[in-house]
Amino acid sequence: MSAARDLPAPAAAAVIWHEVECGAFEADLELWDELARDGGGPVLDLGCGTGRVALHLARRGHRVHGLDLDPDLVEALRRRSQEAGLEVAVSAADAREFSLGREFATVLAPMQLIQLFEGSEQRVACMRCARRHLRPGGSMAVAIVDGFPDELAEEVPPPLPDTREVDGWVYSSLPLDATLDGGAIVIRRLRQTVSPAGEIDDEVDEIPLLLLDAETVESEALEAGFELGGRREVPATDLHVGSTVLLLEDRA
């Protein structure tokens, strides 16, 4: 391996890796579209990233507001929506503590966002904040990996990496494994960057998702003032585990 020189700036790299590793996931989009239609809009997309869900919903005529902690990802969503001629409002803010000055019919928390928080107090804070932004009768949908799925423990042939080429640079992200470590599911990926000159730089990236079960999150939702509205399932794909979506209703 030779180290690549003149790597893209960290901000640009963060946007690219987000697109490489998350942009192609589509298994949950039909469900978010259904929930947005049922709610009647507008929709708040928590942890929106570069707009995987927000842009999908906007293309289908929904009014969408994307929120993410990373301002570089938010700016990428703003730019992408403008280039596509779509109206998507965006905010750089913490999903556990934000104030947007408007109400929504539906709040979505896709891609196990809530499992990135450090504990119950932070999850409840997120749900309470979301509930304050719901109009009367609104709802929230929270996606989680429920427990430690069997498919994570199975030995299977390694999948093909997610790849993308940007300005002559090739980005490759290969899922390595997912293990239990200290109460968290640690997902490891091998990231490789190949420069236009063929120089390679690689690193192992780890994302810890706090180990949770649906019953725990539903109990926390009740603490946050929600009523339970059932569960839906998002099927697993070759590169992503399945998830359980908890439906939470604000009937107050």
Protein backbone atom coordinates (compact mmCIF):
# COMPACT_ATOMS: atom_id res chain seq x y z
CA MET A 1 0.00 0.00 0.00
CA SER A 2 1.21 3.50 -0.77
CA ALA A 3 -0.21 6.52 1.01
CA ALA A 4 -2.28 8.81 -1.20
CA ARG A 5 -1.24 12.44 -1.35
CA ASP A 6 -3.45 15.52 -1.68
CA LEU A 7 -6.50 13.79 -0.24
CA PRO A 8 -9.76 15.79 -0.41
CA ALA A 9 -10.42 18.15 2.47
CA PRO A 10 -12.02 16.51 5.54
CA ALA A 11 -15.35 18.25 4.94
CA ALA A 12 -15.55 17.01 1.35
CA ALA A 13 -14.40 13.54 2.40
CA ALA A 14 -17.12 13.34 5.08
CA VAL A 15 -19.77 14.11 2.48
CA ILE A 16 -18.36 11.57 0.02
CA TRP A 17 -18.11 8.75 2.58
CA HIS A 18 -21.65 9.43 3.72
CA GLU A 19 -22.83 9.11 0.13
CA VAL A 20 -20.76 5.98 -0.50
CA GLU A 21 -21.95 4.13 2.59
CA CYS A 22 -25.54 5.37 2.94
CA GLY A 23 -26.65 6.84 -0.37
CA ALA A 24 -27.59 3.58 -2.10
CA PHE A 25 -29.77 2.19 0.71
CA GLU A 26 -33.39 2.12 -0.47
CA ALA A 27 -35.10 -0.61 1.55
CA ASP A 28 -36.80 1.86 3.91
CA LEU A 29 -37.84 4.55 1.43
CA GLU A 30 -41.24 3.08 0.62
CA LEU A 31 -42.15 3.07 4.31
CA TRP A 32 -41.10 6.71 4.85
CA ASP A 33 -43.11 7.71 1.79
CA GLU A 34 -46.15 5.87 3.16
CA LEU A 35 -45.86 7.52 6.58
CA ALA A 36 -45.41 10.95 4.99
CA ARG A 37 -48.55 10.44 2.88
CA ASP A 38 -50.55 9.28 5.89
CA GLY A 39 -49.43 12.30 7.93
CA GLY A 40 -50.17 14.81 5.20
CA GLY A 41 -46.93 16.78 5.75
CA PRO A 42 -44.77 18.56 6.43
CA VAL A 43 -42.07 16.04 7.37
CA LEU A 44 -38.97 16.48 9.55
CA ASP A 45 -36.07 14.17 8.67
CA LEU A 46 -33.72 13.81 11.66
CA GLY A 47 -30.12 12.89 10.86
CA CYS A 48 -30.81 13.76 7.24
CA GLY A 49 -27.19 13.53 6.09
CA THR A 50 -26.87 14.51 2.44
CA GLY A 51 -30.55 13.86 1.80
CA ARG A 52 -31.10 10.18 1.06
CA VAL A 53 -34.59 10.27 2.59
CA ALA A 54 -35.35 14.00 2.32
CA LEU A 55 -34.71 14.18 -1.43
CA HIS A 56 -36.69 10.99 -2.05
CA LEU A 57 -39.69 12.45 -0.25
CA ALA A 58 -39.35 15.86 -1.91
CA ARG A 59 -39.35 14.22 -5.34
CA ARG A 60 -42.70 12.70 -4.41
CA GLY A 61 -44.20 16.04 -3.56
CA HIS A 62 -43.78 16.05 0.22
CA ARG A 63 -42.75 19.17 2.11
CA VAL A 64 -39.53 18.22 3.90
CA HIS A 65 -37.18 19.77 6.44
CA GLY A 66 -33.83 18.03 6.94
CA LEU A 67 -31.85 18.33 10.18
CA ASP A 68 -28.35 17.06 10.88
CA LEU A 69 -25.59 17.79 13.39
CA ASP A 70 -22.93 17.98 10.65
CA PRO A 71 -23.10 21.35 8.82
CA ASP A 72 -21.13 19.95 5.87
CA LEU A 73 -23.74 17.27 5.26
CA VAL A 74 -26.52 19.84 5.62
CA GLU A 75 -24.84 22.13 3.09
CA ALA A 76 -24.50 19.19 0.70
CA LEU A 77 -28.24 18.55 1.01
CA ARG A 78 -28.99 22.22 0.40
CA ARG A 79 -26.86 22.18 -2.75
CA ARG A 80 -28.29 18.91 -4.03
CA SER A 81 -31.88 20.05 -3.53
CA GLN A 82 -31.22 23.31 -5.39
CA GLU A 83 -29.54 21.49 -8.26
CA ALA A 84 -32.54 19.17 -8.51
CA GLY A 85 -35.03 22.04 -8.37
CA LEU A 86 -36.54 20.72 -5.14
CA GLU A 87 -37.66 22.70 -2.11
CA VAL A 88 -36.06 21.17 0.99
CA ALA A 89 -35.55 23.28 4.11
CA VAL A 90 -32.40 22.42 6.06
CA SER A 91 -30.98 23.06 9.53
CA ALA A 92 -27.68 22.18 11.18
CA ALA A 93 -28.66 21.26 14.75
CA ASP A 94 -28.52 18.54 17.39
CA ALA A 95 -31.47 16.12 17.17
CA ARG A 96 -31.55 16.05 20.98
CA GLU A 97 -32.00 19.80 21.31
CA PHE A 98 -33.32 21.94 18.48
CA SER A 99 -35.89 24.68 17.90
CA LEU A 100 -37.16 25.24 14.37
CA GLY A 101 -40.15 27.48 15.06
CA ARG A 102 -42.56 25.34 13.06
CA GLU A 103 -44.67 22.21 13.42
CA PHE A 104 -44.63 18.96 11.48
CA ALA A 105 -47.10 16.18 10.84
CA THR A 106 -44.40 13.52 10.89
CA VAL A 107 -40.91 13.26 12.34
CA LEU A 108 -38.65 10.53 10.99
CA ALA A 109 -35.50 9.14 12.62
CA PRO A 110 -34.12 6.70 10.01
CA MET A 111 -30.94 4.61 9.87
CA GLN A 112 -30.66 3.88 13.62
CA LEU A 113 -30.01 7.54 14.44
CA ILE A 114 -31.26 7.07 17.98
CA GLN A 115 -28.68 4.31 18.63
CA LEU A 116 -25.86 6.81 18.14
CA PHE A 117 -26.85 8.58 21.36
CA GLU A 118 -25.04 7.67 24.56
CA GLY A 119 -27.96 6.58 26.72
CA SER A 120 -31.61 6.69 27.70
CA GLU A 121 -31.56 10.33 28.81
CA GLN A 122 -30.37 11.48 25.38
CA ARG A 123 -32.88 9.29 23.53
CA VAL A 124 -35.74 10.66 25.63
CA ALA A 125 -34.47 14.21 25.01
CA CYS A 126 -34.58 13.59 21.27
CA MET A 127 -38.12 12.21 21.41
CA ARG A 128 -39.34 15.03 23.63
CA CYS A 129 -37.83 17.62 21.31
CA ALA A 130 -39.42 15.93 18.32
CA ARG A 131 -42.79 15.83 20.08
CA ARG A 132 -42.63 19.57 20.77
CA HIS A 133 -42.36 20.08 17.01
CA LEU A 134 -45.38 17.94 16.15
CA ARG A 135 -48.73 19.44 15.33
CA PRO A 136 -51.69 17.95 17.26
CA GLY A 137 -52.19 14.34 16.22
CA GLY A 138 -48.74 14.08 14.65
CA SER A 139 -46.43 11.08 14.83
CA MET A 140 -42.79 10.05 15.02
CA ALA A 141 -41.14 6.98 13.48
CA VAL A 142 -37.89 5.64 14.92
CA ALA A 143 -35.78 2.98 13.19
CA ILE A 144 -33.59 0.71 15.33
CA VAL A 145 -31.67 -2.54 15.05
CA ASP A 146 -33.68 -4.60 17.53
CA GLY A 147 -31.16 -6.56 19.61
CA PHE A 148 -28.28 -8.32 17.86
CA PRO A 149 -29.67 -9.77 14.59
CA ASP A 150 -28.81 -13.37 13.77
CA GLU A 151 -27.42 -12.38 10.37
CA LEU A 152 -24.64 -10.42 12.06
CA ALA A 153 -23.38 -13.57 13.76
CA GLU A 154 -23.49 -15.72 10.62
CA GLU A 155 -20.36 -16.40 8.61
CA VAL A 156 -21.12 -15.39 5.04
CA PRO A 157 -18.94 -14.52 2.03
CA PRO A 158 -17.85 -10.87 2.12
CA PRO A 159 -20.09 -8.56 0.06
CA LEU A 160 -18.88 -6.36 -2.74
CA PRO A 161 -17.75 -2.94 -1.53
CA ASP A 162 -19.76 0.24 -2.00
CA THR A 163 -17.82 2.41 -4.45
CA ARG A 164 -17.99 5.86 -6.01
CA GLU A 165 -15.78 7.90 -8.33
CA VAL A 166 -15.49 11.66 -7.77
CA ASP A 167 -13.22 13.84 -9.90
CA GLY A 168 -10.97 10.92 -10.75
CA TRP A 169 -10.75 9.66 -7.16
CA VAL A 170 -12.23 6.25 -6.35
CA TYR A 171 -13.77 5.64 -2.93
CA SER A 172 -14.45 2.09 -1.78
CA SER A 173 -16.07 0.98 1.48
CA LEU A 174 -16.11 -2.73 2.30
CA PRO A 175 -18.19 -4.01 5.25
CA LEU A 176 -15.90 -6.15 7.41
CA ASP A 177 -17.92 -7.29 10.40
CA ALA A 178 -20.22 -6.31 13.23
CA THR A 179 -19.42 -7.36 16.78
CA LEU A 180 -20.71 -6.79 20.28
CA ASP A 181 -18.40 -4.66 22.40
CA GLY A 182 -19.34 -3.16 25.75
CA GLY A 183 -23.06 -2.99 25.09
CA ALA A 184 -22.71 -1.67 21.53
CA ILE A 185 -22.87 -3.16 18.05
CA VAL A 186 -19.61 -2.04 16.43
CA ILE A 187 -19.80 -1.98 12.64
CA ARG A 188 -16.44 -1.98 10.88
CA ARG A 189 -15.74 -0.95 7.29
CA LEU A 190 -12.52 -0.84 5.30
CA ARG A 191 -12.35 2.52 3.55
CA GLN A 192 -9.98 2.81 0.59
CA THR A 193 -9.25 5.93 -1.42
CA VAL A 194 -7.48 5.62 -4.76
CA SER A 195 -6.06 8.82 -6.26
CA PRO A 196 -6.10 9.55 -10.00
CA ALA A 197 -2.42 8.50 -10.00
CA GLY A 198 -3.28 5.11 -8.48
CA GLU A 199 -1.99 5.82 -4.96
CA ILE A 200 -3.99 4.07 -2.26
CA ASP A 201 -4.87 5.18 1.24
CA ASP A 202 -6.92 2.97 3.54
CA GLU A 203 -8.32 2.96 7.06
CA VAL A 204 -10.78 0.95 9.12
CA ASP A 205 -13.80 2.99 10.18
CA GLU A 206 -15.89 1.93 13.18
CA ILE A 207 -19.44 3.02 14.01
CA PRO A 208 -20.83 1.97 17.42
CA LEU A 209 -24.59 1.53 17.69
CA LEU A 210 -25.83 1.16 21.25
CA LEU A 211 -27.43 -2.25 21.72
CA LEU A 212 -31.18 -1.69 22.14
CA ASP A 213 -34.44 -3.55 21.96
CA ALA A 214 -37.82 -2.27 20.85
CA GLU A 215 -39.39 -2.61 24.29
CA THR A 216 -36.77 -0.31 25.85
CA VAL A 217 -37.26 2.44 23.26
CA GLU A 218 -41.04 2.15 23.50
CA SER A 219 -40.81 2.59 27.29
CA GLU A 220 -38.69 5.70 26.74
CA ALA A 221 -41.21 6.99 24.21
CA LEU A 222 -43.95 6.73 26.82
CA GLU A 223 -41.72 8.72 29.18
CA ALA A 224 -41.37 11.36 26.46
CA GLY A 225 -45.17 11.69 26.28
CA PHE A 226 -45.92 9.56 23.22
CA GLU A 227 -48.44 6.78 22.81
CA LEU A 228 -47.42 3.61 21.01
CA GLY A 229 -48.69 3.13 17.47
CA GLY A 230 -47.23 -0.23 16.53
CA ARG A 231 -44.17 -1.46 14.67
CA ARG A 232 -43.11 -1.92 11.07
CA GLU A 233 -40.18 -3.87 9.65
CA VAL A 234 -37.56 -2.87 7.09
CA PRO A 235 -36.04 -5.97 5.45
CA ALA A 236 -32.33 -6.70 5.44
CA THR A 237 -30.27 -6.30 2.27
CA ASP A 238 -26.91 -7.75 1.23
CA LEU A 239 -25.13 -4.75 2.80
CA HIS A 240 -27.50 -3.68 5.60
CA VAL A 241 -29.23 -5.48 8.44
CA GLY A 242 -32.97 -5.19 8.79
CA SER A 243 -34.52 -2.74 11.21
CA THR A 244 -37.64 -2.30 13.31
CA VAL A 245 -39.50 0.99 12.97
CA LEU A 246 -41.36 2.08 16.08
CA LEU A 247 -44.44 4.22 15.42
CA LEU A 248 -45.08 6.82 18.12
CA GLU A 249 -48.18 9.00 18.28
CA ASP A 250 -48.86 12.33 19.94
CA ARG A 251 -52.54 12.23 20.74
CA ALA A 252 -52.50 14.93 23.44
